[in-house]
Amino acid sequence: MTLRVMLIDDHPVVRAGLRAVLNSFDDMEVVAEAADGNAEVPDGVDVVVSDIQMPGASGIDLTRRLVAAGGPPVLILTTYDTQADVVEAVEAGAMGYLLKDAPEDELHDAVVQASKRTRVLSPQVANVLADRLVNPDSALSVREIELLRALQTGASNREISEQLFISQATVKTHLIHIYSKLGVDNRTAAVEQARQRRII
């Protein structure tokens, strides 16, 4: 059986390279391509291999859409290995999360496993999730990570509350928890610490 793969990445050169690699495998064929997560996925696609951050809809948006529609499984293939991206992708329902520097045989195995709806994570990504499990008290929630991402743009408490549809009082509560978990006492230090820990 030949697996029919769709590639979604906003860099044409990257897509060309991935197409060449995947088409070199006897059991795979790239049948469709797109530059962002808004693309329609043709019938008959077995696996969607998508980047995570792209103009327009992201790989996370695409994953949520396909999961909700009962579409083909998504394998995230990206350069981003922050805790925020990994957790968001897994919670969205991605069947796999692989980094673009993965060896060809690892990529082949990941596509095959994703097609069987067996979750597959690169070693680095698995370590990110393991750290959350080993240190649950210091692990930031998805909402806290969203707030940190807003913080790094310089958004005020009011702007954050509007972006996340929560009250300013809730923003302050989240900030207290974030500061405590990261061992800091201000917004700038929180963002810096989160970057150092590869949280954002």
C-alpha atoms as a PDB file:
ATOM      1  CA  MET A   1       0.000   0.000   0.000  1.00  0.00           C
ATOM      2  CA  THR A   2       1.282   3.459  -0.922  1.00  0.00           C
ATOM      3  CA  LEU A   3       0.636   6.194   1.630  1.00  0.00           C
ATOM      4  CA  ARG A   4      -0.735   9.365   0.061  1.00  0.00           C
ATOM      5  CA  VAL A   5       0.836  12.400   1.736  1.00  0.00           C
ATOM      6  CA  MET A   6      -0.023  16.102   1.677  1.00  0.00           C
ATOM      7  CA  LEU A   7       2.711  18.638   2.503  1.00  0.00           C
ATOM      8  CA  ILE A   8       1.895  21.998   4.084  1.00  0.00           C
ATOM      9  CA  ASP A   9       4.768  24.456   4.532  1.00  0.00           C
ATOM     10  CA  ASP A  10       5.103  28.115   3.569  1.00  0.00           C
ATOM     11  CA  HIS A  11       8.630  27.633   2.174  1.00  0.00           C
ATOM     12  CA  PRO A  12       8.612  26.225  -1.393  1.00  0.00           C
ATOM     13  CA  VAL A  13      12.231  25.060  -1.106  1.00  0.00           C
ATOM     14  CA  VAL A  14      11.425  23.102   2.052  1.00  0.00           C
ATOM     15  CA  ARG A  15       8.408  21.521   0.380  1.00  0.00           C
ATOM     16  CA  ALA A  16      10.535  20.561  -2.628  1.00  0.00           C
ATOM     17  CA  GLY A  17      13.101  18.894  -0.392  1.00  0.00           C
ATOM     18  CA  LEU A  18      10.468  17.032   1.608  1.00  0.00           C
ATOM     19  CA  ARG A  19       8.691  15.968  -1.574  1.00  0.00           C
ATOM     20  CA  ALA A  20      11.919  14.504  -2.933  1.00  0.00           C
ATOM     21  CA  VAL A  21      12.611  12.622   0.309  1.00  0.00           C
ATOM     22  CA  LEU A  22       9.096  11.236   0.719  1.00  0.00           C
ATOM     23  CA  ASN A  23       8.755  10.289  -2.942  1.00  0.00           C
ATOM     24  CA  SER A  24      12.032   8.382  -2.669  1.00  0.00           C
ATOM     25  CA  PHE A  25      10.348   5.906  -0.323  1.00  0.00           C
ATOM     26  CA  ASP A  26       8.679   2.963  -2.077  1.00  0.00           C
ATOM     27  CA  ASP A  27       5.593   3.152   0.122  1.00  0.00           C
ATOM     28  CA  MET A  28       4.854   6.906  -0.058  1.00  0.00           C
ATOM     29  CA  GLU A  29       3.724   9.476  -2.586  1.00  0.00           C
ATOM     30  CA  VAL A  30       3.202  13.227  -2.163  1.00  0.00           C
ATOM     31  CA  VAL A  31      -0.166  13.917  -3.805  1.00  0.00           C
ATOM     32  CA  ALA A  32      -0.859  17.508  -2.674  1.00  0.00           C
ATOM     33  CA  GLU A  33       0.890  20.608  -1.327  1.00  0.00           C
ATOM     34  CA  ALA A  34      -0.085  23.936   0.221  1.00  0.00           C
ATOM     35  CA  ALA A  35       1.502  26.973   1.850  1.00  0.00           C
ATOM     36  CA  ASP A  36      -0.706  27.351   4.951  1.00  0.00           C
ATOM     37  CA  GLY A  37      -3.240  25.617   7.156  1.00  0.00           C
ATOM     38  CA  ASN A  38      -6.280  27.047   5.373  1.00  0.00           C
ATOM     39  CA  ALA A  39      -5.749  24.669   2.451  1.00  0.00           C
ATOM     40  CA  GLU A  40      -8.371  22.121   1.531  1.00  0.00           C
ATOM     41  CA  VAL A  41      -7.193  18.558   2.025  1.00  0.00           C
ATOM     42  CA  PRO A  42      -8.151  16.389  -0.971  1.00  0.00           C
ATOM     43  CA  ASP A  43     -10.030  13.134  -0.481  1.00  0.00           C
ATOM     44  CA  GLY A  44      -7.813  10.092  -0.214  1.00  0.00           C
ATOM     45  CA  VAL A  45      -4.934  11.750   1.654  1.00  0.00           C
ATOM     46  CA  ASP A  46      -3.627   9.368   4.331  1.00  0.00           C
ATOM     47  CA  VAL A  47      -1.343  11.742   6.255  1.00  0.00           C
ATOM     48  CA  VAL A  48      -0.845  15.507   6.342  1.00  0.00           C
ATOM     49  CA  VAL A  49       2.727  16.626   7.100  1.00  0.00           C
ATOM     50  CA  SER A  50       2.580  20.246   8.227  1.00  0.00           C
ATOM     51  CA  ASP A  51       4.807  22.976   9.616  1.00  0.00           C
ATOM     52  CA  ILE A  52       3.488  24.693  12.732  1.00  0.00           C
ATOM     53  CA  GLN A  53       3.989  28.440  12.253  1.00  0.00           C
ATOM     54  CA  MET A  54       2.928  29.820   8.878  1.00  0.00           C
ATOM     55  CA  PRO A  55       1.231  32.940   7.511  1.00  0.00           C
ATOM     56  CA  GLY A  56      -2.521  32.462   7.606  1.00  0.00           C
ATOM     57  CA  ALA A  57      -3.697  29.405   9.504  1.00  0.00           C
ATOM     58  CA  SER A  58      -1.062  27.569  11.535  1.00  0.00           C
ATOM     59  CA  GLY A  59      -0.410  23.872  11.749  1.00  0.00           C
ATOM     60  CA  ILE A  60      -2.295  23.927  15.065  1.00  0.00           C
ATOM     61  CA  ASP A  61      -5.354  25.494  13.388  1.00  0.00           C
ATOM     62  CA  LEU A  62      -5.150  22.893  10.635  1.00  0.00           C
ATOM     63  CA  THR A  63      -4.880  20.042  13.149  1.00  0.00           C
ATOM     64  CA  ARG A  64      -7.930  21.209  15.098  1.00  0.00           C
ATOM     65  CA  ARG A  65      -9.917  21.558  11.888  1.00  0.00           C
ATOM     66  CA  LEU A  66      -9.024  18.092  10.607  1.00  0.00           C
ATOM     67  CA  VAL A  67      -9.607  16.427  13.975  1.00  0.00           C
ATOM     68  CA  ALA A  68     -13.041  18.074  14.241  1.00  0.00           C
ATOM     69  CA  ALA A  69     -13.903  16.985  10.688  1.00  0.00           C
ATOM     70  CA  GLY A  70     -12.630  13.427  11.133  1.00  0.00           C
ATOM     71  CA  GLY A  71      -9.940  14.093   8.527  1.00  0.00           C
ATOM     72  CA  PRO A  72      -6.549  12.460   8.033  1.00  0.00           C
ATOM     73  CA  PRO A  73      -3.973  12.477  10.863  1.00  0.00           C
ATOM     74  CA  VAL A  74      -1.459  15.320  11.083  1.00  0.00           C
ATOM     75  CA  LEU A  75       2.284  14.961  11.586  1.00  0.00           C
ATOM     76  CA  ILE A  76       3.872  18.247  12.656  1.00  0.00           C
ATOM     77  CA  LEU A  77       7.310  18.720  11.083  1.00  0.00           C
ATOM     78  CA  THR A  78       8.927  21.933  12.257  1.00  0.00           C
ATOM     79  CA  THR A  79      11.995  23.700  13.630  1.00  0.00           C
ATOM     80  CA  TYR A  80      10.085  24.859  16.717  1.00  0.00           C
ATOM     81  CA  ASP A  81      10.659  22.791  19.853  1.00  0.00           C
ATOM     82  CA  THR A  82       9.335  25.073  22.595  1.00  0.00           C
ATOM     83  CA  GLN A  83       7.067  23.649  25.268  1.00  0.00           C
ATOM     84  CA  ALA A  84       4.290  25.993  24.136  1.00  0.00           C
ATOM     85  CA  ASP A  85       4.248  24.649  20.567  1.00  0.00           C
ATOM     86  CA  VAL A  86       4.638  21.004  21.567  1.00  0.00           C
ATOM     87  CA  VAL A  87       1.874  21.065  24.180  1.00  0.00           C
ATOM     88  CA  GLU A  88      -0.489  22.993  21.918  1.00  0.00           C
ATOM     89  CA  ALA A  89       0.074  20.604  19.010  1.00  0.00           C
ATOM     90  CA  VAL A  90      -0.434  17.484  21.113  1.00  0.00           C
ATOM     91  CA  GLU A  91      -3.554  18.912  22.751  1.00  0.00           C
ATOM     92  CA  ALA A  92      -4.906  19.867  19.332  1.00  0.00           C
ATOM     93  CA  GLY A  93      -4.663  16.208  18.328  1.00  0.00           C
ATOM     94  CA  ALA A  94      -1.497  15.983  16.227  1.00  0.00           C
ATOM     95  CA  MET A  95      -0.458  12.352  15.793  1.00  0.00           C
ATOM     96  CA  GLY A  96       3.218  13.218  15.649  1.00  0.00           C
ATOM     97  CA  TYR A  97       5.719  16.002  16.284  1.00  0.00           C
ATOM     98  CA  LEU A  98       9.080  15.830  14.565  1.00  0.00           C
ATOM     99  CA  LEU A  99      11.871  18.339  14.078  1.00  0.00           C
ATOM    100  CA  LYS A 100      13.106  19.142  10.575  1.00  0.00           C
ATOM    101  CA  ASP A 101      16.620  17.949  11.325  1.00  0.00           C
ATOM    102  CA  ALA A 102      15.343  14.394  11.868  1.00  0.00           C
ATOM    103  CA  PRO A 103      17.070  11.643   9.845  1.00  0.00           C
ATOM    104  CA  GLU A 104      15.204  10.353   6.772  1.00  0.00           C
ATOM    105  CA  ASP A 105      14.453   6.974   8.344  1.00  0.00           C
ATOM    106  CA  GLU A 106      12.948   8.707  11.384  1.00  0.00           C
ATOM    107  CA  LEU A 107      10.760  10.816   9.097  1.00  0.00           C
ATOM    108  CA  HIS A 108       9.638   7.697   7.199  1.00  0.00           C
ATOM    109  CA  ASP A 109       8.753   5.909  10.433  1.00  0.00           C
ATOM    110  CA  ALA A 110       6.892   8.961  11.770  1.00  0.00           C
ATOM    111  CA  VAL A 111       4.715   9.219   8.645  1.00  0.00           C
ATOM    112  CA  VAL A 112       3.913   5.488   8.806  1.00  0.00           C
ATOM    113  CA  GLN A 113       3.075   5.625  12.514  1.00  0.00           C
ATOM    114  CA  ALA A 114       0.950   8.752  12.092  1.00  0.00           C
ATOM    115  CA  SER A 115      -0.999   7.049   9.297  1.00  0.00           C
ATOM    116  CA  LYS A 116      -1.862   4.286  11.789  1.00  0.00           C
ATOM    117  CA  ARG A 117      -2.899   6.975  14.294  1.00  0.00           C
ATOM    118  CA  THR A 118      -0.085   5.934  16.594  1.00  0.00           C
ATOM    119  CA  ARG A 119       1.423   8.967  18.284  1.00  0.00           C
ATOM    120  CA  VAL A 120       5.103   9.529  17.506  1.00  0.00           C
ATOM    121  CA  LEU A 121       7.391  12.183  19.014  1.00  0.00           C
ATOM    122  CA  SER A 122      11.015  12.999  18.308  1.00  0.00           C
ATOM    123  CA  PRO A 123      13.311  12.359  21.314  1.00  0.00           C
ATOM    124  CA  GLN A 124      13.734  16.095  21.966  1.00  0.00           C
ATOM    125  CA  VAL A 125       9.974  16.642  21.931  1.00  0.00           C
ATOM    126  CA  ALA A 126       9.361  13.643  24.188  1.00  0.00           C
ATOM    127  CA  ASN A 127      11.813  15.177  26.673  1.00  0.00           C
ATOM    128  CA  VAL A 128       9.846  18.426  26.682  1.00  0.00           C
ATOM    129  CA  LEU A 129       6.663  16.572  27.626  1.00  0.00           C
ATOM    130  CA  ALA A 130       8.496  14.391  30.133  1.00  0.00           C
ATOM    131  CA  ASP A 131       9.752  17.505  31.923  1.00  0.00           C
ATOM    132  CA  ARG A 132       6.139  18.633  32.387  1.00  0.00           C
ATOM    133  CA  LEU A 133       5.213  15.269  33.885  1.00  0.00           C
ATOM    134  CA  VAL A 134       8.254  15.056  36.156  1.00  0.00           C
ATOM    135  CA  ASN A 135       7.827  18.622  37.436  1.00  0.00           C
ATOM    136  CA  PRO A 136       4.047  19.173  37.422  1.00  0.00           C
ATOM    137  CA  ASP A 137       4.139  21.809  40.169  1.00  0.00           C
ATOM    138  CA  SER A 138       6.426  24.051  38.129  1.00  0.00           C
ATOM    139  CA  ALA A 139       4.857  23.252  34.746  1.00  0.00           C
ATOM    140  CA  LEU A 140       2.926  26.130  33.250  1.00  0.00           C
ATOM    141  CA  SER A 141      -0.638  25.539  32.095  1.00  0.00           C
ATOM    142  CA  VAL A 142      -1.606  26.129  28.476  1.00  0.00           C
ATOM    143  CA  ARG A 143      -3.396  29.338  29.547  1.00  0.00           C
ATOM    144  CA  GLU A 144      -0.287  30.554  31.398  1.00  0.00           C
ATOM    145  CA  ILE A 145       1.828  29.868  28.318  1.00  0.00           C
ATOM    146  CA  GLU A 146      -0.662  31.841  26.191  1.00  0.00           C
ATOM    147  CA  LEU A 147      -0.355  34.716  28.637  1.00  0.00           C
ATOM    148  CA  LEU A 148       3.446  34.550  28.497  1.00  0.00           C
ATOM    149  CA  ARG A 149       3.325  34.748  24.706  1.00  0.00           C
ATOM    150  CA  ALA A 150       1.218  37.881  25.013  1.00  0.00           C
ATOM    151  CA  LEU A 151       3.660  39.282  27.581  1.00  0.00           C
ATOM    152  CA  GLN A 152       6.597  38.945  25.197  1.00  0.00           C
ATOM    153  CA  THR A 153       4.810  41.247  22.728  1.00  0.00           C
ATOM    154  CA  GLY A 154       4.687  43.947  25.410  1.00  0.00           C
ATOM    155  CA  ALA A 155       0.916  43.724  25.850  1.00  0.00           C
ATOM    156  CA  SER A 156      -0.624  45.404  28.909  1.00  0.00           C
ATOM    157  CA  ASN A 157      -2.901  43.563  31.351  1.00  0.00           C
ATOM    158  CA  ARG A 158      -5.911  45.131  29.652  1.00  0.00           C
ATOM    159  CA  GLU A 159      -4.729  44.055  26.189  1.00  0.00           C
ATOM    160  CA  ILE A 160      -4.034  40.535  27.451  1.00  0.00           C
ATOM    161  CA  SER A 161      -7.489  40.308  29.019  1.00  0.00           C
ATOM    162  CA  GLU A 162      -9.039  41.317  25.695  1.00  0.00           C
ATOM    163  CA  GLN A 163      -6.899  38.881  23.691  1.00  0.00           C
ATOM    164  CA  LEU A 164      -7.624  35.912  25.970  1.00  0.00           C
ATOM    165  CA  PHE A 165     -11.222  36.899  26.845  1.00  0.00           C
ATOM    166  CA  ILE A 166     -10.549  36.924  30.594  1.00  0.00           C
ATOM    167  CA  SER A 167     -10.838  39.644  33.234  1.00  0.00           C
ATOM    168  CA  GLN A 168      -7.896  41.810  34.248  1.00  0.00           C
ATOM    169  CA  ALA A 169      -8.178  40.306  37.738  1.00  0.00           C
ATOM    170  CA  THR A 170      -7.696  36.840  36.203  1.00  0.00           C
ATOM    171  CA  VAL A 171      -4.674  38.120  34.280  1.00  0.00           C
ATOM    172  CA  LYS A 172      -3.127  39.309  37.560  1.00  0.00           C
ATOM    173  CA  THR A 173      -3.831  35.933  39.192  1.00  0.00           C
ATOM    174  CA  HIS A 174      -2.169  34.110  36.297  1.00  0.00           C
ATOM    175  CA  LEU A 175       0.835  36.439  36.531  1.00  0.00           C
ATOM    176  CA  ILE A 176       1.261  35.622  40.237  1.00  0.00           C
ATOM    177  CA  HIS A 177       1.247  31.896  39.427  1.00  0.00           C
ATOM    178  CA  ILE A 178       3.671  32.374  36.511  1.00  0.00           C
ATOM    179  CA  TYR A 179       6.098  34.414  38.638  1.00  0.00           C
ATOM    180  CA  SER A 180       5.973  31.754  41.358  1.00  0.00           C
ATOM    181  CA  LYS A 181       6.587  28.848  38.965  1.00  0.00           C
ATOM    182  CA  LEU A 182       9.428  30.619  37.177  1.00  0.00           C
ATOM    183  CA  GLY A 183      11.010  32.050  40.337  1.00  0.00           C
ATOM    184  CA  VAL A 184      10.813  35.674  39.167  1.00  0.00           C
ATOM    185  CA  ASP A 185       9.061  38.836  40.284  1.00  0.00           C
ATOM    186  CA  ASN A 186       8.366  40.849  37.137  1.00  0.00           C
ATOM    187  CA  ARG A 187       7.144  40.573  33.548  1.00  0.00           C
ATOM    188  CA  THR A 188      10.518  41.060  31.848  1.00  0.00           C
ATOM    189  CA  ALA A 189      12.186  38.404  33.980  1.00  0.00           C
ATOM    190  CA  ALA A 190       9.262  36.028  33.376  1.00  0.00           C
ATOM    191  CA  VAL A 191       9.618  36.316  29.605  1.00  0.00           C
ATOM    192  CA  GLU A 192      13.399  35.921  29.772  1.00  0.00           C
ATOM    193  CA  GLN A 193      13.166  32.871  32.040  1.00  0.00           C
ATOM    194  CA  ALA A 194      10.503  31.292  29.811  1.00  0.00           C
ATOM    195  CA  ARG A 195      12.727  31.760  26.762  1.00  0.00           C
ATOM    196  CA  GLN A 196      15.731  30.255  28.543  1.00  0.00           C
ATOM    197  CA  ARG A 197      13.657  27.220  29.524  1.00  0.00           C
ATOM    198  CA  ARG A 198      12.323  26.842  25.971  1.00  0.00           C
ATOM    199  CA  ILE A 199       8.771  27.373  27.196  1.00  0.00           C
ATOM    200  CA  ILE A 200       8.075  30.043  24.577  1.00  0.00           C
END
